[in-house]
Amino acid sequence: MNHKKIIFIAFSIIILSLIGCQKEERIDIRGEITGINISNDNKIVSLMVEGELEEDTSHDKASIRIVKNTKIYMANTKNKISTNELKEGMKVEAIFEGPVAESYPVQATAKLIRIIE
């Protein structure tokens, strides 16, 4: 085998390994927005979400901080919505990022919030 074929095969194996390592992010919580905290400048800064502990979730109740990097989507689309469109009673699922305070309810920062109802 020539040198170029060996490099090509090795590179292909590495790429396929990396693709195989990609995982879908686990939903940390799915539930209803039961509380909204608003800052002095009238921006939503956190949500209280309550739901059932399910096979694909990690928590049943969470206080979720919203930061400028938090992505908020409508249902299973890539349509972003603004933080101010979040309302009590909406059903959402959230993926956390960074440390999670293991209090009850847990306290975490949202990487992604998806409105599902």
Protein backbone atom coordinates (compact mmCIF):
# COMPACT_ATOMS: atom_id res chain seq x y z
CA MET A 1 0.00 0.00 0.00
CA ASN A 2 1.34 3.41 -0.77
CA HIS A 3 1.74 6.17 1.77
CA LYS A 4 -1.21 8.27 0.52
CA LYS A 5 -3.69 5.37 0.87
CA ILE A 6 -2.60 4.71 4.45
CA ILE A 7 -3.04 8.37 5.37
CA PHE A 8 -6.45 8.46 3.66
CA ILE A 9 -7.64 5.34 5.52
CA ALA A 10 -6.38 6.66 8.88
CA PHE A 11 -8.04 10.03 8.29
CA SER A 12 -11.32 8.33 7.31
CA ILE A 13 -11.30 6.24 10.49
CA ILE A 14 -10.73 9.34 12.63
CA ILE A 15 -13.58 11.23 10.94
CA LEU A 16 -16.00 8.30 11.29
CA SER A 17 -15.03 7.92 14.95
CA LEU A 18 -15.76 11.58 15.62
CA ILE A 19 -19.13 11.39 13.87
CA GLY A 20 -20.02 8.32 15.90
CA CYS A 21 -19.13 10.12 19.15
CA GLN A 22 -21.66 12.89 18.62
CA LYS A 23 -24.53 12.48 21.03
CA GLU A 24 -27.89 14.07 21.36
CA GLU A 25 -28.07 16.25 24.44
CA ARG A 26 -30.19 14.92 27.29
CA ILE A 27 -33.21 16.94 28.33
CA ASP A 28 -32.60 18.05 31.92
CA ILE A 29 -36.23 18.95 32.64
CA ARG A 30 -39.58 18.97 30.88
CA GLY A 31 -42.54 20.66 32.50
CA GLU A 32 -44.69 23.71 32.98
CA ILE A 33 -43.44 27.20 33.69
CA THR A 34 -44.85 27.90 37.16
CA GLY A 35 -42.96 31.10 37.93
CA ILE A 36 -41.09 33.88 36.15
CA ASN A 37 -38.55 36.23 37.75
CA ILE A 38 -38.13 39.64 36.15
CA SER A 39 -35.17 41.99 36.65
CA ASN A 40 -35.41 45.68 37.51
CA ASP A 41 -35.03 46.52 33.81
CA ASN A 42 -38.08 44.32 33.02
CA LYS A 43 -36.23 41.34 31.51
CA ILE A 44 -36.96 37.72 32.33
CA VAL A 45 -33.92 36.37 34.19
CA SER A 46 -35.15 33.00 35.45
CA LEU A 47 -37.98 30.49 35.33
CA MET A 48 -39.36 27.94 37.75
CA VAL A 49 -40.24 24.79 35.82
CA GLU A 50 -42.10 21.83 37.33
CA GLY A 51 -42.86 18.49 35.69
CA GLU A 52 -42.66 14.75 36.14
CA LEU A 53 -39.36 12.88 36.31
CA GLU A 54 -39.35 10.89 33.08
CA GLU A 55 -37.05 8.28 31.54
CA ASP A 56 -35.37 10.92 29.37
CA THR A 57 -35.15 13.73 31.97
CA SER A 58 -32.99 14.31 35.05
CA HIS A 59 -35.12 16.60 37.23
CA ASP A 60 -38.75 17.24 38.13
CA LYS A 61 -38.38 20.81 39.42
CA ALA A 62 -35.81 23.47 38.55
CA SER A 63 -35.01 27.14 38.90
CA ILE A 64 -33.50 27.99 35.52
CA ARG A 65 -31.37 31.08 34.89
CA ILE A 66 -31.60 32.67 31.47
CA VAL A 67 -28.47 34.37 30.16
CA LYS A 68 -27.68 36.12 26.89
CA ASN A 69 -26.35 32.87 25.36
CA THR A 70 -29.51 30.90 26.19
CA LYS A 71 -31.24 29.78 23.00
CA ILE A 72 -35.04 29.72 23.07
CA TYR A 73 -36.92 27.89 20.31
CA MET A 74 -40.55 27.26 19.43
CA ALA A 75 -41.36 23.52 19.37
CA ASN A 76 -39.21 21.37 17.07
CA THR A 77 -38.14 24.25 14.86
CA LYS A 78 -35.12 26.48 14.66
CA ASN A 79 -37.41 29.50 15.03
CA LYS A 80 -35.90 31.52 17.87
CA ILE A 81 -38.19 33.50 20.10
CA SER A 82 -37.45 36.26 22.57
CA THR A 83 -37.25 35.71 26.29
CA ASN A 84 -40.23 38.03 26.81
CA GLU A 85 -42.49 35.59 24.95
CA LEU A 86 -42.17 33.05 27.78
CA LYS A 87 -45.36 32.84 29.87
CA GLU A 88 -46.50 30.94 32.93
CA GLY A 89 -48.36 27.79 31.95
CA MET A 90 -46.24 27.08 28.86
CA LYS A 91 -44.80 23.59 28.65
CA VAL A 92 -41.06 23.66 28.01
CA GLU A 93 -38.01 21.44 28.04
CA ALA A 94 -34.58 22.70 28.97
CA ILE A 95 -30.96 21.64 28.61
CA PHE A 96 -28.59 23.01 31.25
CA GLU A 97 -24.99 24.10 30.87
CA GLY A 98 -22.36 24.62 33.50
CA PRO A 99 -22.67 23.68 37.14
CA VAL A 100 -25.97 22.56 38.62
CA ALA A 101 -26.69 23.42 42.26
CA GLU A 102 -28.00 20.16 43.68
CA SER A 103 -30.51 21.86 45.96
CA TYR A 104 -34.21 21.15 45.61
CA PRO A 105 -35.27 22.43 43.26
CA VAL A 106 -32.01 22.32 41.34
CA GLN A 107 -30.62 25.63 40.15
CA ALA A 108 -28.96 25.81 36.75
CA THR A 109 -28.31 27.97 33.72
CA ALA A 110 -30.22 27.15 30.54
CA LYS A 111 -28.23 26.42 27.41
CA LEU A 112 -31.46 25.81 25.51
CA ILE A 113 -35.17 26.17 26.23
CA ARG A 114 -37.68 24.70 23.81
CA ILE A 115 -41.37 25.55 24.06
CA ILE A 116 -43.35 22.38 23.39
CA GLU A 117 -46.90 23.61 24.16
